[in-house]
């Protein structure tokens, strides 16, 4: 049996000192499922049953297949980000392994809502067990997470601009989006300056939170030059931004599969607003909150309730439920203390 890593060991992952989660907060999942069921009941009550039957009968399989391809590309792009950031430090990560990391990261983030920290910690632990030095993994984590938040803020700002220009969304949603943009920019700035040691007082406050403490113990081993490679930063930023665009495009394509040609700008603004509610929610994957926000925001851009609900459910099926099983299998393999490790 391998030696148990110490929390302050620079070669240890924040999750290496933990066992796999013994249980999933089922009550929270049930609340999310109940919210989804309530939404479906309300929408079906407000519309005619024949509308949904007609939508199901006229689904274009080719458009639906395109939606599946777009979602698959999101995992591929996230994997490429990991490959690029570790390659900048002289390490090699295969495309297949990076794809596996993306699926595992997705599953853990959806099953254990923690602002993305749980998924990143699983990936950092996996990279460490592949033999990559702690400084390399810490640098990769910082670059990936910082560029994700920067891309999130940029896409949200773009969506806000489109929403204001076309008057797509209510004003209070626009205010929430603006606040979120500022918060995401602050997170990105904090992560960028973290290796320089100029934010020590902030770190001391964040250590009050156990998950953040474990992550900070890891990322503090990142070298000061983690953000000096501008080519890598730009590539990671655009990859993450493109993932948001692919997700929004999936909803647009799902609507096309149902026979509705929506506004691209409207769908993008709707998706980013819905994603905001998914991010700030406490339910895994924003279950229930995302669906409700998506249906309402799609209605605000002129999409019928029946089409909006169907397109949203199709998107969630492809982006949330379909990858859960492969993500679970990948995460079980990548998490520490698996049977293979014990046998060694």
Protein backbone atom coordinates (compact mmCIF):
# COMPACT_ATOMS: atom_id res chain seq x y z
CA UNK A 1 0.00 0.00 0.00
CA UNK A 2 1.44 3.43 -0.95
CA UNK A 3 2.37 5.87 1.74
CA UNK A 4 -0.42 8.28 2.67
CA UNK A 5 0.54 11.76 1.32
CA UNK A 6 0.92 14.54 3.87
CA UNK A 7 -1.27 17.65 3.41
CA UNK A 8 1.78 19.89 3.32
CA UNK A 9 3.69 17.71 0.88
CA UNK A 10 4.31 19.62 -2.37
CA UNK A 11 3.77 16.38 -4.27
CA UNK A 12 0.37 15.76 -2.67
CA UNK A 13 -2.97 16.55 -4.20
CA UNK A 14 -5.59 18.28 -2.09
CA UNK A 15 -7.71 15.15 -2.41
CA UNK A 16 -4.98 12.60 -1.78
CA UNK A 17 -5.56 12.77 1.95
CA UNK A 18 -9.25 12.05 1.47
CA UNK A 19 -11.25 8.96 0.76
CA UNK A 20 -13.75 8.88 -2.02
CA UNK A 21 -17.06 10.48 -1.07
CA UNK A 22 -19.07 7.89 0.82
CA UNK A 23 -22.43 9.28 -0.26
CA UNK A 24 -24.01 11.90 -2.47
CA UNK A 25 -26.29 14.48 -0.81
CA UNK A 26 -29.45 12.75 -2.06
CA UNK A 27 -31.77 15.29 -0.47
CA UNK A 28 -30.23 18.05 -2.58
CA UNK A 29 -30.55 15.90 -5.70
CA UNK A 30 -34.20 15.20 -4.88
CA UNK A 31 -34.88 18.92 -4.50
CA UNK A 32 -33.37 19.54 -7.93
CA UNK A 33 -35.33 16.68 -9.49
CA UNK A 34 -38.52 17.98 -7.90
CA UNK A 35 -37.84 21.44 -9.32
CA UNK A 36 -37.38 19.96 -12.80
CA UNK A 37 -40.57 17.93 -12.48
CA UNK A 38 -42.48 20.99 -11.31
CA UNK A 39 -41.18 23.00 -14.26
CA UNK A 40 -42.24 20.30 -16.71
CA UNK A 41 -45.69 20.07 -15.14
CA UNK A 42 -46.19 23.85 -15.24
CA UNK A 43 -45.06 24.20 -18.86
CA UNK A 44 -47.13 21.23 -20.03
CA UNK A 45 -50.12 22.70 -18.21
CA UNK A 46 -49.65 26.05 -19.94
CA UNK A 47 -49.31 24.47 -23.39
CA UNK A 48 -51.18 21.85 -25.34
CA UNK A 49 -50.10 18.22 -25.01
CA UNK A 50 -50.29 17.89 -28.78
CA UNK A 51 -47.49 20.44 -29.12
CA UNK A 52 -45.02 18.21 -27.29
CA UNK A 53 -46.11 15.14 -29.23
CA UNK A 54 -45.66 17.03 -32.48
CA UNK A 55 -42.21 18.22 -31.39
CA UNK A 56 -41.15 14.66 -30.57
CA UNK A 57 -42.38 13.42 -33.93
CA UNK A 58 -40.55 16.07 -35.92
CA UNK A 59 -37.11 15.90 -34.23
CA UNK A 60 -34.43 16.03 -36.91
CA UNK A 61 -31.93 13.29 -36.11
CA UNK A 62 -29.16 14.99 -38.08
CA UNK A 63 -29.43 18.19 -36.04
CA UNK A 64 -29.58 16.11 -32.87
CA UNK A 65 -26.42 14.29 -33.93
CA UNK A 66 -24.73 17.64 -34.51
CA UNK A 67 -25.66 18.66 -30.97
CA UNK A 68 -23.99 15.50 -29.67
CA UNK A 69 -20.85 16.31 -31.66
CA UNK A 70 -20.75 19.85 -30.25
CA UNK A 71 -20.93 18.53 -26.69
CA UNK A 72 -18.19 15.99 -27.36
CA UNK A 73 -15.99 18.82 -28.59
CA UNK A 74 -16.34 20.61 -25.25
CA UNK A 75 -14.63 17.72 -23.44
CA UNK A 76 -11.99 17.52 -26.13
CA UNK A 77 -11.20 21.22 -25.80
CA UNK A 78 -10.96 21.04 -22.01
CA UNK A 79 -8.55 18.14 -22.42
CA UNK A 80 -6.48 20.13 -24.89
CA UNK A 81 -6.21 22.93 -22.33
CA UNK A 82 -4.69 20.48 -19.83
CA UNK A 83 -2.31 19.17 -22.50
CA UNK A 84 -1.16 22.66 -23.45
CA UNK A 85 -0.58 23.93 -19.91
CA UNK A 86 1.46 20.90 -18.83
CA UNK A 87 3.36 20.87 -22.16
CA UNK A 88 4.46 24.44 -21.40
CA UNK A 89 6.34 22.92 -18.42
CA UNK A 90 7.92 20.12 -20.46
CA UNK A 91 5.39 17.38 -19.59
CA UNK A 92 3.47 15.11 -21.99
CA UNK A 93 -0.20 14.24 -21.61
CA UNK A 94 -1.89 12.00 -24.17
CA UNK A 95 -5.09 13.13 -25.87
CA UNK A 96 -6.96 10.08 -24.59
CA UNK A 97 -5.89 10.68 -20.99
CA UNK A 98 -6.77 14.36 -21.23
CA UNK A 99 -10.25 13.43 -22.49
CA UNK A 100 -10.59 11.08 -19.52
CA UNK A 101 -9.59 13.89 -17.16
CA UNK A 102 -12.25 16.16 -18.67
CA UNK A 103 -15.03 13.61 -18.14
CA UNK A 104 -13.91 12.92 -14.56
CA UNK A 105 -13.71 16.64 -13.82
CA UNK A 106 -17.22 17.16 -15.22
CA UNK A 107 -18.70 14.35 -13.12
CA UNK A 108 -17.11 15.46 -9.85
CA UNK A 109 -18.08 19.12 -10.39
CA UNK A 110 -21.69 18.10 -11.07
CA UNK A 111 -21.95 15.56 -8.25
CA UNK A 112 -20.15 17.71 -5.66
CA UNK A 113 -20.94 21.40 -6.26
CA UNK A 114 -17.97 23.40 -4.97
CA UNK A 115 -17.41 26.11 -7.57
CA UNK A 116 -15.26 23.76 -9.66
CA UNK A 117 -12.73 23.13 -6.87
CA UNK A 118 -13.57 19.44 -6.47
CA UNK A 119 -13.10 18.67 -10.16
CA UNK A 120 -9.84 20.60 -10.40
CA UNK A 121 -8.54 18.84 -7.29
CA UNK A 122 -9.27 15.44 -8.83
CA UNK A 123 -7.40 16.40 -12.00
CA UNK A 124 -4.44 17.82 -10.06
CA UNK A 125 -4.23 14.61 -8.03
CA UNK A 126 -4.36 12.50 -11.19
CA UNK A 127 -1.59 14.52 -12.85
CA UNK A 128 0.52 14.18 -9.72
CA UNK A 129 0.09 10.40 -9.70
CA UNK A 130 1.17 10.33 -13.35
CA UNK A 131 4.56 11.48 -12.08
CA UNK A 132 4.34 15.17 -12.94
CA UNK A 133 6.21 17.48 -10.51
CA UNK A 134 4.13 19.43 -8.01
CA UNK A 135 5.22 22.79 -9.46
CA UNK A 136 4.05 21.73 -12.93
CA UNK A 137 0.65 20.58 -11.72
CA UNK A 138 0.16 23.65 -9.56
CA UNK A 139 1.03 25.92 -12.47
CA UNK A 140 -1.35 23.99 -14.75
CA UNK A 141 -4.16 24.30 -12.22
CA UNK A 142 -3.66 28.04 -11.80
CA UNK A 143 -3.53 28.75 -15.53
CA UNK A 144 -6.54 26.56 -16.33
CA UNK A 145 -8.76 27.93 -13.55
CA UNK A 146 -7.73 31.56 -14.06
CA UNK A 147 -8.33 31.43 -17.82
CA UNK A 148 -11.66 29.68 -17.25
CA UNK A 149 -12.87 32.49 -15.00
CA UNK A 150 -11.54 35.12 -17.38
CA UNK A 151 -13.30 33.45 -20.31
CA UNK A 152 -16.48 33.12 -18.23
CA UNK A 153 -16.38 36.85 -17.42
CA UNK A 154 -15.72 37.75 -21.07
CA UNK A 155 -18.55 35.60 -22.42
CA UNK A 156 -20.92 36.90 -19.75
CA UNK A 157 -19.98 40.48 -20.65
CA UNK A 158 -20.60 39.75 -24.33
CA UNK A 159 -23.96 38.17 -23.51
CA UNK A 160 -24.85 41.18 -21.35
CA UNK A 161 -24.01 43.55 -24.19
CA UNK A 162 -26.16 41.57 -26.62
CA UNK A 163 -29.01 41.39 -24.13
CA UNK A 164 -28.94 45.15 -23.53
CA UNK A 165 -28.70 45.96 -27.23
CA UNK A 166 -31.61 43.71 -28.22
CA UNK A 167 -33.55 44.08 -24.93
CA UNK A 168 -33.64 40.30 -24.55
CA UNK A 169 -33.68 39.96 -20.76
CA UNK A 170 -35.21 41.81 -17.77
CA UNK A 171 -33.12 44.60 -16.25
CA UNK A 172 -32.60 42.79 -12.95
CA UNK A 173 -31.03 39.87 -14.82
CA UNK A 174 -28.69 42.32 -16.53
CA UNK A 175 -27.67 43.74 -13.16
CA UNK A 176 -26.98 40.22 -11.85
CA UNK A 177 -24.88 39.47 -14.94
CA UNK A 178 -22.86 42.67 -14.45
CA UNK A 179 -22.15 41.84 -10.80
CA UNK A 180 -21.11 38.34 -11.83
CA UNK A 181 -18.72 39.70 -14.48
CA UNK A 182 -16.99 41.86 -11.88
CA UNK A 183 -16.79 38.94 -9.44
CA UNK A 184 -15.30 36.62 -12.08
CA UNK A 185 -12.72 39.23 -13.06
CA UNK A 186 -11.77 39.51 -9.39
CA UNK A 187 -11.34 35.73 -9.10
CA UNK A 188 -9.18 35.65 -12.23
CA UNK A 189 -7.01 38.51 -10.96
CA UNK A 190 -6.57 36.82 -7.59
CA UNK A 191 -5.45 33.56 -9.22
CA UNK A 192 -3.06 35.36 -11.55
CA UNK A 193 -1.36 37.19 -8.69
CA UNK A 194 -1.47 34.22 -6.32
CA UNK A 195 2.04 32.88 -7.10
CA UNK A 196 3.62 36.29 -6.53
CA UNK A 197 2.72 36.25 -2.84
CA UNK A 198 1.06 39.65 -3.05
CA UNK A 199 -2.30 38.38 -1.78
CA UNK A 200 -1.21 36.81 1.50
CA UNK A 201 -3.90 38.52 3.57
CA UNK A 202 -6.61 37.17 1.24
CA UNK A 203 -5.17 33.66 1.49
CA UNK A 204 -5.35 33.83 5.26
CA UNK A 205 -9.09 34.55 5.08
CA UNK A 206 -9.72 31.84 2.50
CA UNK A 207 -8.05 29.22 4.69
CA UNK A 208 -11.13 29.32 6.90
CA UNK A 209 -12.85 27.21 4.23
CA UNK A 210 -11.60 23.62 4.24
CA UNK A 211 -11.86 22.98 0.50
CA UNK A 212 -10.14 26.25 -0.34
CA UNK A 213 -7.45 25.50 2.22
CA UNK A 214 -6.56 22.22 0.54
CA UNK A 215 -6.50 23.86 -2.87
CA UNK A 216 -4.35 26.74 -1.62
CA UNK A 217 -1.90 24.27 -0.07
CA UNK A 218 -1.45 22.85 -3.54
CA UNK A 219 -1.39 25.92 -5.79
CA UNK A 220 1.05 27.83 -3.58
CA UNK A 221 3.75 25.58 -5.03
CA UNK A 222 3.25 27.14 -8.46
CA UNK A 223 6.32 29.00 -9.73
CA UNK A 224 6.07 32.83 -10.06
CA UNK A 225 6.42 32.53 -13.85
CA UNK A 226 3.24 30.53 -14.31
CA UNK A 227 1.57 33.36 -16.24
CA UNK A 228 4.56 34.52 -18.30
CA UNK A 229 3.81 32.35 -21.35
CA UNK A 230 1.30 34.54 -23.16
CA UNK A 231 0.77 32.05 -25.99
CA UNK A 232 -0.38 29.39 -23.53
CA UNK A 233 -2.58 31.89 -21.70
CA UNK A 234 -4.29 33.03 -24.89
CA UNK A 235 -4.82 29.47 -26.09
CA UNK A 236 -6.32 28.39 -22.76
CA UNK A 237 -8.52 31.50 -22.69
CA UNK A 238 -9.89 30.99 -26.20
CA UNK A 239 -10.42 27.27 -25.61
CA UNK A 240 -12.52 27.97 -22.53
CA UNK A 241 -14.43 30.75 -24.32
CA UNK A 242 -15.10 28.41 -27.23
CA UNK A 243 -16.51 25.82 -24.80
CA UNK A 244 -19.12 28.36 -23.68
CA UNK A 245 -19.92 29.10 -27.33
CA UNK A 246 -20.27 25.36 -28.08
CA UNK A 247 -22.66 24.92 -25.16
CA UNK A 248 -24.83 27.79 -26.38
CA UNK A 249 -24.64 26.44 -29.92
CA UNK A 250 -25.88 23.07 -28.62
CA UNK A 251 -29.11 24.69 -27.40
CA UNK A 252 -29.51 26.53 -30.72
CA UNK A 253 -28.99 23.28 -32.63
CA UNK A 254 -31.42 21.46 -30.31
CA UNK A 255 -34.04 24.09 -31.14
CA UNK A 256 -33.31 23.57 -34.85
CA UNK A 257 -33.79 19.84 -34.34
CA UNK A 258 -37.25 20.70 -33.03
CA UNK A 259 -37.98 22.86 -36.08
CA UNK A 260 -37.43 26.30 -34.53
CA UNK A 261 -34.87 28.74 -35.92
CA UNK A 262 -33.90 30.97 -32.99
CA UNK A 263 -31.70 34.04 -32.85
CA UNK A 264 -28.06 33.07 -32.26
CA UNK A 265 -27.44 36.18 -30.18
CA UNK A 266 -30.61 35.56 -28.19
CA UNK A 267 -29.75 31.93 -27.44
CA UNK A 268 -26.23 32.90 -26.37
CA UNK A 269 -27.54 35.60 -24.01
CA UNK A 270 -30.13 33.19 -22.66
CA UNK A 271 -27.58 30.44 -22.08
CA UNK A 272 -25.12 32.69 -20.25
CA UNK A 273 -27.87 34.08 -18.02
CA UNK A 274 -29.05 30.54 -17.25
CA UNK A 275 -25.50 29.45 -16.61
CA UNK A 276 -25.21 32.24 -14.04
CA UNK A 277 -28.04 30.71 -12.02
CA UNK A 278 -26.51 27.27 -12.41
CA UNK A 279 -23.18 28.54 -11.06
CA UNK A 280 -24.54 30.30 -7.99
CA UNK A 281 -26.96 27.48 -7.11
CA UNK A 282 -26.27 24.92 -4.39
CA UNK A 283 -27.97 22.04 -6.20
CA UNK A 284 -25.58 19.74 -8.13
CA UNK A 285 -25.17 20.98 -11.69
CA UNK A 286 -27.81 23.65 -11.08
CA UNK A 287 -30.45 20.95 -11.44
CA UNK A 288 -33.82 22.69 -11.63
CA UNK A 289 -32.45 26.23 -11.43
CA UNK A 290 -30.75 26.05 -14.83
CA UNK A 291 -33.78 24.49 -16.50
CA UNK A 292 -36.15 27.11 -15.11
CA UNK A 293 -33.86 30.00 -16.02
CA UNK A 294 -33.28 28.59 -19.48
CA UNK A 295 -36.96 28.12 -20.31
CA UNK A 296 -37.86 31.60 -19.05
CA UNK A 297 -34.97 33.33 -20.80
CA UNK A 298 -35.59 31.48 -24.06
CA UNK A 299 -39.22 32.58 -23.86
CA UNK A 300 -38.01 36.17 -23.49
CA UNK A 301 -36.25 35.93 -26.88
CA UNK A 302 -39.42 34.70 -28.57
CA UNK A 303 -39.10 30.92 -28.28
CA UNK A 304 -42.35 29.09 -27.46
CA UNK A 305 -42.51 27.47 -24.01
CA UNK A 306 -42.83 23.97 -25.45
CA UNK A 307 -39.78 24.43 -27.70
CA UNK A 308 -37.76 26.13 -24.96
CA UNK A 309 -38.44 23.33 -22.48
CA UNK A 310 -37.73 20.61 -25.04
CA UNK A 311 -34.50 22.27 -26.23
CA UNK A 312 -33.37 22.78 -22.64
CA UNK A 313 -34.07 19.15 -21.72
CA UNK A 314 -32.25 17.96 -24.82
CA UNK A 315 -29.26 20.10 -23.91
CA UNK A 316 -29.24 18.86 -20.33
CA UNK A 317 -29.54 15.29 -21.51
CA UNK A 318 -26.47 15.69 -23.72
CA UNK A 319 -24.38 17.87 -21.39
CA UNK A 320 -25.39 16.63 -17.93
CA UNK A 321 -26.95 13.16 -17.90
CA UNK A 322 -25.28 11.42 -20.85
CA UNK A 323 -21.66 12.02 -19.67
CA UNK A 324 -22.45 11.03 -16.05
CA UNK A 325 -21.74 7.30 -16.41
CA UNK A 326 -18.43 7.65 -18.32
CA UNK A 327 -17.50 10.49 -15.98
CA UNK A 328 -18.20 8.29 -12.96
CA UNK A 329 -16.03 5.50 -14.37
CA UNK A 330 -13.19 7.92 -15.16
CA UNK A 331 -13.37 9.55 -11.73
CA UNK A 332 -13.30 6.20 -9.93
CA UNK A 333 -10.16 5.31 -11.84
CA UNK A 334 -8.46 8.64 -11.21
CA UNK A 335 -9.35 9.06 -7.53
CA UNK A 336 -6.73 7.87 -5.02
CA UNK A 337 -6.97 4.64 -3.04
CA UNK A 338 -8.55 2.71 -5.87
CA UNK A 339 -8.15 -1.11 -5.75
CA UNK A 340 -5.26 -1.11 -8.20
CA UNK A 341 -3.27 1.20 -5.91
CA UNK A 342 -4.00 -0.96 -2.90
CA UNK A 343 -2.86 -4.05 -4.70
CA UNK A 344 0.46 -2.40 -5.41
